[in-house]
Every structure is written in C-alpha cells, then in structure tokens.
C-alpha cells in the first residue's frame, strides 16, 4: 500500500519553497505519495507532487508536514484535524512553539518519518458557538485560542463572563481570550496569561485590557463551559479563532466556549521536556538576570 503525506508550507517565501521541494523529493524517493495544497503546487513546480484541495486534502495520509511559522502550522492543523492525521511542524519562522523541529533537523525529521520513528500526542482544542435569540451566527474551533474583541478601536466592549452557567464578572475591556494549554504561549501569554504545560488539561480565560477591579487570568477545568455575553448596548464585536477564522458579531450575542470534541494530533520525533522548549523559545535567562552569584 502506498504511503502518503501532505506538505503544507508558505510558498510566498523563497526559503520555505526550497525546503519544501527538498522534503517532497526525499519523501517521493522513499515511496510516498506527496500531496500539496493546489495553490502551492504551482510554486513548487515538481512532478513528484499531487495537487489537492478541500477538506479531504489530508484524507488517508500518514502525516501532515508543516514547514513554516506558527501561522503555517495552524493552517496545516485545519487540514489534519478533521481526518485525525498527525501533524509534524518544522519551524521556519521566529518562535514556532507548535513546531516539533527546527530547520537544522529537517533531514533527520524526514528520515524519522520514513522509518516511522515518532510518537503522536493529542492536543486539546476549543469548540465555539455564537448565538443571538436562538439563532446560530457562527460555529468554529481553535487549537490556540478563541477571542471576543472590540471591532472599533475607539470603543470599549462590555462583556459578561459566566462559568458553568454562573455569573463570574462583567468587564469593560478590549476583549476576552479563551485559550488551550497549547495556546497559553501565544496571544494569551501576551495578554498576561500564565504558561500552561501542554499535558495539563484546562481552559484559560484572559481579559484583554480590562477596566475592572478583578481582571486576573483564570485557569478553569477542561469540563467548564465559558459563556461570554456582549451587552446589547455596547459596540460591535469580532470573534476570532486562531487568528484565522473571523466572524463579525452584533451586540447582544452570546458566545459559548467548550472543550473541543476533536483534538489535534501532533507528531513528536523525540522526547523533549517542555521546560527545555520554553527556555529555548523564549531565550530565558536560566541563571537569572543577575547571573550565577555562586
């Protein structure tokens, strides 16, 4: 039976295209059917690849290669998640928290995939639904975070946050972030949220620039239901999922956030403590800002 892989990259960048061509050739030489999203196949210009499109692009593949930054990996997750295919991220960007390997590891990563020398872990996701007067206005999901934010820079949003059907707090704010542990090092971190180890199952609630006495980030149970209500008299809101799927929302809308029914499966090439990843990605001063005084 022919083995298959889907290759996702940012062909608008010269280096990304060159690396993708190398991966495609190596996988093809190893007997893989190499699929590429149709819009990117033209830029790669390789006879070895099969152009694909639509939600079935990753159906039946053994693995989804994502070469790029976190944006490329989130795009690859959209294709991998519906069919349960594991995703392997190779970081060509700046931080790349979602990536399993750096570009210097590219050749070894391909060899490991060919040899099936990798493990797979599941990452928690978020499901979100926006309703108004019983009508569903938007439904989506996220691997990193769902945000409800103001649509007008000069206006403040008035939001009410409930947890498991019980009122928690009303915020005058720029918005609220609901994040997974995977997303705790992304937008939620920039807004003052905590870093949560990926193995921890939890939902994070992080107010953005809240004008309130209580505006601390919260770590809730993964079974919690988070409801964010946009007050009827406030300004328009925007629902954004992973920075990729955006929905305009009217005042009075209610946004419900729950643990996602379908996780994202992530390939791991070798065991690596999250502490080491955190130190490397954020360039943390392990010895402290004053250095080792001993």
C-alpha atoms as a PDB file:
ATOM      1  CA  UNK A   1       0.000   0.000   0.000  1.00  0.00           C
ATOM      2  CA  UNK A   2       1.352   3.419  -0.973  1.00  0.00           C
ATOM      3  CA  UNK A   3       2.218   5.689   1.907  1.00  0.00           C
ATOM      4  CA  UNK A   4       1.045   9.300   1.650  1.00  0.00           C
ATOM      5  CA  UNK A   5       1.973  12.630   3.203  1.00  0.00           C
ATOM      6  CA  UNK A   6       0.539  16.129   2.867  1.00  0.00           C
ATOM      7  CA  UNK A   7       3.020  19.002   2.643  1.00  0.00           C
ATOM      8  CA  UNK A   8       1.915  22.470   3.776  1.00  0.00           C
ATOM      9  CA  UNK A   9       4.225  25.468   3.506  1.00  0.00           C
ATOM     10  CA  UNK A  10       4.387  29.189   2.776  1.00  0.00           C
ATOM     11  CA  UNK A  11       5.390  29.273  -0.889  1.00  0.00           C
ATOM     12  CA  UNK A  12       5.432  33.067  -0.826  1.00  0.00           C
ATOM     13  CA  UNK A  13       8.787  32.773   0.908  1.00  0.00           C
ATOM     14  CA  UNK A  14      11.743  31.644  -1.190  1.00  0.00           C
ATOM     15  CA  UNK A  15      13.455  29.669   1.592  1.00  0.00           C
ATOM     16  CA  UNK A  16      10.236  27.862   2.510  1.00  0.00           C
ATOM     17  CA  UNK A  17       9.709  26.804  -1.105  1.00  0.00           C
ATOM     18  CA  UNK A  18      13.266  25.475  -1.394  1.00  0.00           C
ATOM     19  CA  UNK A  19      12.949  23.419   1.799  1.00  0.00           C
ATOM     20  CA  UNK A  20       9.544  22.106   0.729  1.00  0.00           C
ATOM     21  CA  UNK A  21      10.994  20.909  -2.570  1.00  0.00           C
ATOM     22  CA  UNK A  22      13.698  19.019  -0.676  1.00  0.00           C
ATOM     23  CA  UNK A  23      11.146  17.339   1.592  1.00  0.00           C
ATOM     24  CA  UNK A  24       8.895  16.458  -1.353  1.00  0.00           C
ATOM     25  CA  UNK A  25      11.748  14.841  -3.286  1.00  0.00           C
ATOM     26  CA  UNK A  26      13.019  12.896  -0.270  1.00  0.00           C
ATOM     27  CA  UNK A  27       9.556  11.564   0.593  1.00  0.00           C
ATOM     28  CA  UNK A  28       8.881  10.694  -3.045  1.00  0.00           C
ATOM     29  CA  UNK A  29      12.187   8.822  -3.267  1.00  0.00           C
ATOM     30  CA  UNK A  30      11.110   6.864  -0.168  1.00  0.00           C
ATOM     31  CA  UNK A  31       7.935   5.750  -1.933  1.00  0.00           C
ATOM     32  CA  UNK A  32       5.461   8.292  -0.554  1.00  0.00           C
ATOM     33  CA  UNK A  33       2.658   9.907  -2.479  1.00  0.00           C
ATOM     34  CA  UNK A  34       3.353  13.579  -1.723  1.00  0.00           C
ATOM     35  CA  UNK A  35       0.283  15.795  -1.715  1.00  0.00           C
ATOM     36  CA  UNK A  36       0.443  19.577  -1.822  1.00  0.00           C
ATOM     37  CA  UNK A  37      -2.342  22.135  -1.497  1.00  0.00           C
ATOM     38  CA  UNK A  38      -3.292  23.056  -5.061  1.00  0.00           C
ATOM     39  CA  UNK A  39      -2.467  26.765  -4.707  1.00  0.00           C
ATOM     40  CA  UNK A  40       1.071  25.868  -3.585  1.00  0.00           C
ATOM     41  CA  UNK A  41       1.718  23.079  -6.084  1.00  0.00           C
ATOM     42  CA  UNK A  42       2.286  25.562  -8.920  1.00  0.00           C
ATOM     43  CA  UNK A  43       5.003  27.383  -6.964  1.00  0.00           C
ATOM     44  CA  UNK A  44       6.755  24.138  -6.047  1.00  0.00           C
ATOM     45  CA  UNK A  45       6.738  23.061  -9.709  1.00  0.00           C
ATOM     46  CA  UNK A  46       7.589  19.416  -9.012  1.00  0.00           C
ATOM     47  CA  UNK A  47       6.341  16.386 -10.940  1.00  0.00           C
ATOM     48  CA  UNK A  48       6.552  14.366  -7.715  1.00  0.00           C
ATOM     49  CA  UNK A  49       3.631  16.134  -6.014  1.00  0.00           C
ATOM     50  CA  UNK A  50      -0.125  15.624  -6.278  1.00  0.00           C
ATOM     51  CA  UNK A  51      -2.216  18.821  -6.046  1.00  0.00           C
ATOM     52  CA  UNK A  52      -5.144  18.515  -3.601  1.00  0.00           C
ATOM     53  CA  UNK A  53      -7.801  20.848  -2.268  1.00  0.00           C
ATOM     54  CA  UNK A  54     -10.750  20.972   0.092  1.00  0.00           C
ATOM     55  CA  UNK A  55     -11.407  19.332   3.429  1.00  0.00           C
ATOM     56  CA  UNK A  56     -10.393  15.907   2.124  1.00  0.00           C
ATOM     57  CA  UNK A  57      -6.848  17.026   1.242  1.00  0.00           C
ATOM     58  CA  UNK A  58      -5.352  15.039   4.126  1.00  0.00           C
ATOM     59  CA  UNK A  59      -7.711  12.055   3.952  1.00  0.00           C
ATOM     60  CA  UNK A  60      -5.716   8.831   4.151  1.00  0.00           C
ATOM     61  CA  UNK A  61      -2.326  10.467   4.684  1.00  0.00           C
ATOM     62  CA  UNK A  62       0.108   9.103   7.213  1.00  0.00           C
ATOM     63  CA  UNK A  63       1.340  12.532   8.286  1.00  0.00           C
ATOM     64  CA  UNK A  64       0.989  16.236   7.528  1.00  0.00           C
ATOM     65  CA  UNK A  65       4.276  18.132   7.197  1.00  0.00           C
ATOM     66  CA  UNK A  66       4.004  21.840   8.090  1.00  0.00           C
ATOM     67  CA  UNK A  67       7.033  23.892   7.087  1.00  0.00           C
ATOM     68  CA  UNK A  68       6.886  27.467   8.330  1.00  0.00           C
ATOM     69  CA  UNK A  69       5.955  29.526  11.352  1.00  0.00           C
ATOM     70  CA  UNK A  70       3.023  29.079  13.721  1.00  0.00           C
ATOM     71  CA  UNK A  71       0.643  30.509  11.103  1.00  0.00           C
ATOM     72  CA  UNK A  72       1.548  27.742   8.668  1.00  0.00           C
ATOM     73  CA  UNK A  73       1.154  25.129  11.391  1.00  0.00           C
ATOM     74  CA  UNK A  74      -2.293  26.429  12.288  1.00  0.00           C
ATOM     75  CA  UNK A  75      -3.261  26.228   8.628  1.00  0.00           C
ATOM     76  CA  UNK A  76      -1.976  22.660   8.468  1.00  0.00           C
ATOM     77  CA  UNK A  77      -3.978  21.829  11.605  1.00  0.00           C
ATOM     78  CA  UNK A  78      -7.170  22.833   9.769  1.00  0.00           C
ATOM     79  CA  UNK A  79      -6.470  20.099   7.219  1.00  0.00           C
ATOM     80  CA  UNK A  80      -5.109  17.456   9.595  1.00  0.00           C
ATOM     81  CA  UNK A  81      -7.708  17.657  12.368  1.00  0.00           C
ATOM     82  CA  UNK A  82     -10.863  16.526  10.508  1.00  0.00           C
ATOM     83  CA  UNK A  83      -9.237  13.262   9.379  1.00  0.00           C
ATOM     84  CA  UNK A  84      -7.174  12.613  12.524  1.00  0.00           C
ATOM     85  CA  UNK A  85      -3.828  12.814  10.725  1.00  0.00           C
ATOM     86  CA  UNK A  86      -0.807  13.670  12.899  1.00  0.00           C
ATOM     87  CA  UNK A  87       0.920  16.954  12.121  1.00  0.00           C
ATOM     88  CA  UNK A  88       4.686  17.470  12.170  1.00  0.00           C
ATOM     89  CA  UNK A  89       5.838  21.071  12.379  1.00  0.00           C
ATOM     90  CA  UNK A  90       9.247  22.214  11.116  1.00  0.00           C
ATOM     91  CA  UNK A  91       9.942  25.749  12.289  1.00  0.00           C
ATOM     92  CA  UNK A  92      10.991  28.198   9.582  1.00  0.00           C
ATOM     93  CA  UNK A  93       9.663  31.201  11.497  1.00  0.00           C
ATOM     94  CA  UNK A  94      10.823  33.119  14.557  1.00  0.00           C
ATOM     95  CA  UNK A  95       9.415  31.315  17.609  1.00  0.00           C
ATOM     96  CA  UNK A  96       7.456  28.311  16.384  1.00  0.00           C
ATOM     97  CA  UNK A  97       6.093  26.927  19.656  1.00  0.00           C
ATOM     98  CA  UNK A  98       3.924  24.493  17.715  1.00  0.00           C
ATOM     99  CA  UNK A  99       6.859  23.125  15.738  1.00  0.00           C
ATOM    100  CA  UNK A 100       8.495  19.870  16.744  1.00  0.00           C
ATOM    101  CA  UNK A 101      11.814  20.507  14.977  1.00  0.00           C
ATOM    102  CA  UNK A 102      13.971  23.313  13.639  1.00  0.00           C
ATOM    103  CA  UNK A 103      15.168  23.642  10.062  1.00  0.00           C
ATOM    104  CA  UNK A 104      18.549  22.190  11.046  1.00  0.00           C
ATOM    105  CA  UNK A 105      16.723  18.945  11.882  1.00  0.00           C
ATOM    106  CA  UNK A 106      14.873  18.745   8.564  1.00  0.00           C
ATOM    107  CA  UNK A 107      16.782  15.817   7.018  1.00  0.00           C
ATOM    108  CA  UNK A 108      16.565  13.758  10.190  1.00  0.00           C
ATOM    109  CA  UNK A 109      12.877  14.563  10.560  1.00  0.00           C
ATOM    110  CA  UNK A 110      12.174  13.150   7.105  1.00  0.00           C
ATOM    111  CA  UNK A 111      14.229  10.034   7.859  1.00  0.00           C
ATOM    112  CA  UNK A 112      12.357   9.509  11.129  1.00  0.00           C
ATOM    113  CA  UNK A 113       9.000   9.778   9.381  1.00  0.00           C
ATOM    114  CA  UNK A 114      10.072   7.325   6.694  1.00  0.00           C
ATOM    115  CA  UNK A 115      11.209   4.916   9.429  1.00  0.00           C
ATOM    116  CA  UNK A 116       8.001   5.574  11.414  1.00  0.00           C
ATOM    117  CA  UNK A 117      10.252   6.585  14.303  1.00  0.00           C
ATOM    118  CA  UNK A 118       7.935   9.031  16.032  1.00  0.00           C
ATOM    119  CA  UNK A 119       5.131   9.136  18.560  1.00  0.00           C
ATOM    120  CA  UNK A 120       1.849  11.014  18.484  1.00  0.00           C
ATOM    121  CA  UNK A 121       0.201  13.068  21.229  1.00  0.00           C
ATOM    122  CA  UNK A 122      -3.197  14.735  21.255  1.00  0.00           C
ATOM    123  CA  UNK A 123      -3.598  18.454  21.849  1.00  0.00           C
ATOM    124  CA  UNK A 124      -6.783  19.820  23.332  1.00  0.00           C
ATOM    125  CA  UNK A 125      -8.909  22.129  21.172  1.00  0.00           C
ATOM    126  CA  UNK A 126     -11.803  24.549  21.729  1.00  0.00           C
ATOM    127  CA  UNK A 127     -15.266  24.498  20.155  1.00  0.00           C
ATOM    128  CA  UNK A 128     -17.121  27.816  19.986  1.00  0.00           C
ATOM    129  CA  UNK A 129     -20.677  28.796  19.065  1.00  0.00           C
ATOM    130  CA  UNK A 130     -22.141  32.307  18.799  1.00  0.00           C
ATOM    131  CA  UNK A 131     -25.930  32.679  19.100  1.00  0.00           C
ATOM    132  CA  UNK A 132     -28.450  35.513  19.164  1.00  0.00           C
ATOM    133  CA  UNK A 133     -32.094  34.956  20.115  1.00  0.00           C
ATOM    134  CA  UNK A 134     -31.697  31.228  19.488  1.00  0.00           C
ATOM    135  CA  UNK A 135     -30.125  31.670  16.048  1.00  0.00           C
ATOM    136  CA  UNK A 136     -26.616  30.331  15.458  1.00  0.00           C
ATOM    137  CA  UNK A 137     -24.492  33.100  13.925  1.00  0.00           C
ATOM    138  CA  UNK A 138     -21.135  31.325  13.928  1.00  0.00           C
ATOM    139  CA  UNK A 139     -19.575  27.968  14.771  1.00  0.00           C
ATOM    140  CA  UNK A 140     -15.875  27.164  14.716  1.00  0.00           C
ATOM    141  CA  UNK A 141     -12.970  25.730  16.673  1.00  0.00           C
ATOM    142  CA  UNK A 142      -9.420  26.626  17.708  1.00  0.00           C
ATOM    143  CA  UNK A 143      -6.175  24.942  18.649  1.00  0.00           C
ATOM    144  CA  UNK A 144      -4.646  28.008  20.331  1.00  0.00           C
ATOM    145  CA  UNK A 145      -7.368  30.436  21.307  1.00  0.00           C
ATOM    146  CA  UNK A 146     -10.765  31.971  20.701  1.00  0.00           C
ATOM    147  CA  UNK A 147     -11.028  35.722  21.216  1.00  0.00           C
ATOM    148  CA  UNK A 148     -14.002  38.042  21.529  1.00  0.00           C
ATOM    149  CA  UNK A 149     -12.712  41.545  20.823  1.00  0.00           C
ATOM    150  CA  UNK A 150     -13.992  45.009  20.050  1.00  0.00           C
ATOM    151  CA  UNK A 151     -14.309  45.873  16.375  1.00  0.00           C
ATOM    152  CA  UNK A 152     -13.880  49.642  16.804  1.00  0.00           C
ATOM    153  CA  UNK A 153     -10.525  50.814  18.242  1.00  0.00           C
ATOM    154  CA  UNK A 154     -12.088  53.847  19.914  1.00  0.00           C
ATOM    155  CA  UNK A 155     -14.816  51.893  21.742  1.00  0.00           C
ATOM    156  CA  UNK A 156     -14.763  49.597  24.763  1.00  0.00           C
ATOM    157  CA  UNK A 157     -16.638  46.301  24.839  1.00  0.00           C
ATOM    158  CA  UNK A 158     -18.982  45.492  27.707  1.00  0.00           C
ATOM    159  CA  UNK A 159     -18.832  41.743  28.313  1.00  0.00           C
ATOM    160  CA  UNK A 160     -20.311  39.415  30.899  1.00  0.00           C
ATOM    161  CA  UNK A 161     -18.458  36.169  31.571  1.00  0.00           C
ATOM    162  CA  UNK A 162     -20.243  33.146  33.057  1.00  0.00           C
ATOM    163  CA  UNK A 163     -18.646  29.836  34.013  1.00  0.00           C
ATOM    164  CA  UNK A 164     -20.856  26.752  34.041  1.00  0.00           C
ATOM    165  CA  UNK A 165     -23.980  28.903  33.970  1.00  0.00           C
ATOM    166  CA  UNK A 166     -22.926  31.048  36.945  1.00  0.00           C
ATOM    167  CA  UNK A 167     -22.001  34.742  36.565  1.00  0.00           C
ATOM    168  CA  UNK A 168     -18.315  35.453  37.135  1.00  0.00           C
ATOM    169  CA  UNK A 169     -17.609  39.071  36.241  1.00  0.00           C
ATOM    170  CA  UNK A 170     -18.576  41.936  33.958  1.00  0.00           C
ATOM    171  CA  UNK A 171     -15.744  43.603  32.098  1.00  0.00           C
ATOM    172  CA  UNK A 172     -15.351  46.865  30.250  1.00  0.00           C
ATOM    173  CA  UNK A 173     -12.441  45.765  28.088  1.00  0.00           C
ATOM    174  CA  UNK A 174     -10.832  45.311  24.695  1.00  0.00           C
ATOM    175  CA  UNK A 175     -11.911  41.667  24.757  1.00  0.00           C
ATOM    176  CA  UNK A 176     -11.508  38.235  26.335  1.00  0.00           C
ATOM    177  CA  UNK A 177      -9.268  35.340  25.301  1.00  0.00           C
ATOM    178  CA  UNK A 178     -10.235  31.710  25.878  1.00  0.00           C
ATOM    179  CA  UNK A 179      -7.148  29.576  25.317  1.00  0.00           C
ATOM    180  CA  UNK A 180      -5.954  25.991  25.474  1.00  0.00           C
ATOM    181  CA  UNK A 181      -2.686  24.977  27.155  1.00  0.00           C
ATOM    182  CA  UNK A 182      -1.153  24.868  23.660  1.00  0.00           C
ATOM    183  CA  UNK A 183      -2.276  28.461  23.140  1.00  0.00           C
ATOM    184  CA  UNK A 184      -1.042  29.631  26.535  1.00  0.00           C
ATOM    185  CA  UNK A 185       2.284  30.690  24.976  1.00  0.00           C
ATOM    186  CA  UNK A 186       0.588  32.652  22.171  1.00  0.00           C
ATOM    187  CA  UNK A 187      -1.885  35.566  22.388  1.00  0.00           C
ATOM    188  CA  UNK A 188      -2.937  34.662  25.936  1.00  0.00           C
ATOM    189  CA  UNK A 189       0.679  34.958  27.100  1.00  0.00           C
ATOM    190  CA  UNK A 190       1.000  38.405  25.507  1.00  0.00           C
ATOM    191  CA  UNK A 191      -2.147  39.480  27.361  1.00  0.00           C
ATOM    192  CA  UNK A 192      -0.698  38.421  30.721  1.00  0.00           C
ATOM    193  CA  UNK A 193      -1.904  34.839  30.946  1.00  0.00           C
ATOM    194  CA  UNK A 194       0.100  32.004  32.517  1.00  0.00           C
ATOM    195  CA  UNK A 195       2.192  29.455  30.673  1.00  0.00           C
ATOM    196  CA  UNK A 196       0.496  26.050  30.975  1.00  0.00           C
ATOM    197  CA  UNK A 197       2.269  22.785  30.211  1.00  0.00           C
ATOM    198  CA  UNK A 198       0.678  21.039  27.203  1.00  0.00           C
ATOM    199  CA  UNK A 199      -0.046  17.915  29.239  1.00  0.00           C
ATOM    200  CA  UNK A 200      -2.311  19.901  31.573  1.00  0.00           C
ATOM    201  CA  UNK A 201      -5.972  19.840  30.596  1.00  0.00           C
ATOM    202  CA  UNK A 202      -7.518  23.249  31.236  1.00  0.00           C
ATOM    203  CA  UNK A 203      -9.298  26.212  29.684  1.00  0.00           C
ATOM    204  CA  UNK A 204      -7.802  29.663  30.179  1.00  0.00           C
ATOM    205  CA  UNK A 205      -9.827  32.871  30.419  1.00  0.00           C
ATOM    206  CA  UNK A 206      -7.757  36.038  29.974  1.00  0.00           C
ATOM    207  CA  UNK A 207      -9.348  39.521  29.889  1.00  0.00           C
ATOM    208  CA  UNK A 208      -7.685  41.987  27.490  1.00  0.00           C
ATOM    209  CA  UNK A 209      -7.032  45.483  28.901  1.00  0.00           C
ATOM    210  CA  UNK A 210      -9.957  45.204  31.282  1.00  0.00           C
ATOM    211  CA  UNK A 211     -11.186  48.270  33.174  1.00  0.00           C
ATOM    212  CA  UNK A 212     -12.166  46.296  36.252  1.00  0.00           C
ATOM    213  CA  UNK A 213     -11.062  45.643  39.799  1.00  0.00           C
ATOM    214  CA  UNK A 214     -10.832  41.921  39.072  1.00  0.00           C
ATOM    215  CA  UNK A 215      -9.151  41.189  35.773  1.00  0.00           C
ATOM    216  CA  UNK A 216      -6.806  38.338  36.606  1.00  0.00           C
ATOM    217  CA  UNK A 217      -6.382  35.477  34.121  1.00  0.00           C
ATOM    218  CA  UNK A 218      -8.200  32.316  35.156  1.00  0.00           C
ATOM    219  CA  UNK A 219      -7.360  28.637  34.718  1.00  0.00           C
ATOM    220  CA  UNK A 220     -10.583  26.634  34.683  1.00  0.00           C
ATOM    221  CA  UNK A 221     -11.429  22.961  34.427  1.00  0.00           C
ATOM    222  CA  UNK A 222     -11.447  21.465  30.916  1.00  0.00           C
ATOM    223  CA  UNK A 223     -15.067  20.463  31.535  1.00  0.00           C
ATOM    224  CA  UNK A 224     -16.159  24.062  32.145  1.00  0.00           C
ATOM    225  CA  UNK A 225     -18.488  25.911  29.804  1.00  0.00           C
ATOM    226  CA  UNK A 226     -17.497  29.529  29.301  1.00  0.00           C
ATOM    227  CA  UNK A 227     -20.225  31.953  28.177  1.00  0.00           C
ATOM    228  CA  UNK A 228     -19.283  35.443  27.031  1.00  0.00           C
ATOM    229  CA  UNK A 229     -22.245  37.772  26.530  1.00  0.00           C
ATOM    230  CA  UNK A 230     -21.856  41.021  24.593  1.00  0.00           C
ATOM    231  CA  UNK A 231     -24.123  43.616  26.199  1.00  0.00           C
ATOM    232  CA  UNK A 232     -26.931  44.817  23.885  1.00  0.00           C
ATOM    233  CA  UNK A 233     -25.960  48.488  24.282  1.00  0.00           C
ATOM    234  CA  UNK A 234     -22.254  48.077  23.613  1.00  0.00           C
ATOM    235  CA  UNK A 235     -20.319  48.211  20.312  1.00  0.00           C
ATOM    236  CA  UNK A 236     -19.908  45.542  17.641  1.00  0.00           C
ATOM    237  CA  UNK A 237     -17.642  42.596  18.449  1.00  0.00           C
ATOM    238  CA  UNK A 238     -15.386  40.267  16.498  1.00  0.00           C
ATOM    239  CA  UNK A 239     -14.981  36.540  17.139  1.00  0.00           C
ATOM    240  CA  UNK A 240     -11.585  35.241  16.052  1.00  0.00           C
ATOM    241  CA  UNK A 241     -10.358  31.624  16.113  1.00  0.00           C
ATOM    242  CA  UNK A 242      -6.592  31.091  15.975  1.00  0.00           C
ATOM    243  CA  UNK A 243      -6.288  34.401  14.129  1.00  0.00           C
ATOM    244  CA  UNK A 244      -7.601  32.657  11.004  1.00  0.00           C
ATOM    245  CA  UNK A 245     -11.391  32.382  11.172  1.00  0.00           C
ATOM    246  CA  UNK A 246     -13.076  35.708  11.868  1.00  0.00           C
ATOM    247  CA  UNK A 247     -16.782  36.482  12.415  1.00  0.00           C
ATOM    248  CA  UNK A 248     -18.458  39.855  12.942  1.00  0.00           C
ATOM    249  CA  UNK A 249     -20.901  39.778  15.852  1.00  0.00           C
ATOM    250  CA  UNK A 250     -23.703  42.171  16.803  1.00  0.00           C
ATOM    251  CA  UNK A 251     -24.409  43.487  20.323  1.00  0.00           C
ATOM    252  CA  UNK A 252     -26.451  41.077  22.435  1.00  0.00           C
ATOM    253  CA  UNK A 253     -24.757  37.963  21.096  1.00  0.00           C
ATOM    254  CA  UNK A 254     -23.707  35.085  23.371  1.00  0.00           C
ATOM    255  CA  UNK A 255     -20.505  33.135  22.720  1.00  0.00           C
ATOM    256  CA  UNK A 256     -20.192  29.671  24.245  1.00  0.00           C
ATOM    257  CA  UNK A 257     -16.773  28.054  24.573  1.00  0.00           C
ATOM    258  CA  UNK A 258     -16.243  24.390  25.427  1.00  0.00           C
ATOM    259  CA  UNK A 259     -13.533  21.799  25.176  1.00  0.00           C
ATOM    260  CA  UNK A 260     -13.271  20.691  21.561  1.00  0.00           C
ATOM    261  CA  UNK A 261     -14.769  17.368  20.557  1.00  0.00           C
ATOM    262  CA  UNK A 262     -11.868  16.657  18.180  1.00  0.00           C
ATOM    263  CA  UNK A 263      -8.223  17.120  19.239  1.00  0.00           C
ATOM    264  CA  UNK A 264      -5.278  17.939  17.010  1.00  0.00           C
ATOM    265  CA  UNK A 265      -2.764  15.098  16.801  1.00  0.00           C
ATOM    266  CA  UNK A 266       0.874  16.209  16.911  1.00  0.00           C
ATOM    267  CA  UNK A 267       3.850  14.048  15.912  1.00  0.00           C
ATOM    268  CA  UNK A 268       6.854  14.014  18.231  1.00  0.00           C
ATOM    269  CA  UNK A 269      10.254  12.909  16.981  1.00  0.00           C
ATOM    270  CA  UNK A 270      11.950  12.649  20.337  1.00  0.00           C
ATOM    271  CA  UNK A 271      11.060  13.244  23.981  1.00  0.00           C
ATOM    272  CA  UNK A 272      11.808  16.838  24.984  1.00  0.00           C
ATOM    273  CA  UNK A 273      10.892  18.366  28.346  1.00  0.00           C
ATOM    274  CA  UNK A 274       8.587  21.344  27.891  1.00  0.00           C
ATOM    275  CA  UNK A 275      10.859  23.271  30.245  1.00  0.00           C
ATOM    276  CA  UNK A 276      13.699  22.990  27.720  1.00  0.00           C
ATOM    277  CA  UNK A 277      11.404  24.125  24.894  1.00  0.00           C
ATOM    278  CA  UNK A 278      10.211  27.076  26.959  1.00  0.00           C
ATOM    279  CA  UNK A 279      13.748  28.172  27.797  1.00  0.00           C
ATOM    280  CA  UNK A 280      14.890  27.843  24.178  1.00  0.00           C
ATOM    281  CA  UNK A 281      11.911  29.542  22.521  1.00  0.00           C
ATOM    282  CA  UNK A 282      11.752  32.475  24.938  1.00  0.00           C
ATOM    283  CA  UNK A 283      15.549  32.674  25.426  1.00  0.00           C
ATOM    284  CA  UNK A 284      15.008  32.589  29.180  1.00  0.00           C
ATOM    285  CA  UNK A 285      17.942  33.540  31.413  1.00  0.00           C
ATOM    286  CA  UNK A 286      18.294  30.274  33.309  1.00  0.00           C
ATOM    287  CA  UNK A 287      20.856  31.789  35.651  1.00  0.00           C
ATOM    288  CA  UNK A 288      18.622  34.777  36.352  1.00  0.00           C
ATOM    289  CA  UNK A 289      19.042  38.362  35.259  1.00  0.00           C
ATOM    290  CA  UNK A 290      21.910  38.871  37.730  1.00  0.00           C
ATOM    291  CA  UNK A 291      23.783  35.773  36.643  1.00  0.00           C
ATOM    292  CA  UNK A 292      25.033  32.938  38.814  1.00  0.00           C
ATOM    293  CA  UNK A 293      26.343  34.515  42.015  1.00  0.00           C
ATOM    294  CA  UNK A 294      27.650  31.259  43.440  1.00  0.00           C
END
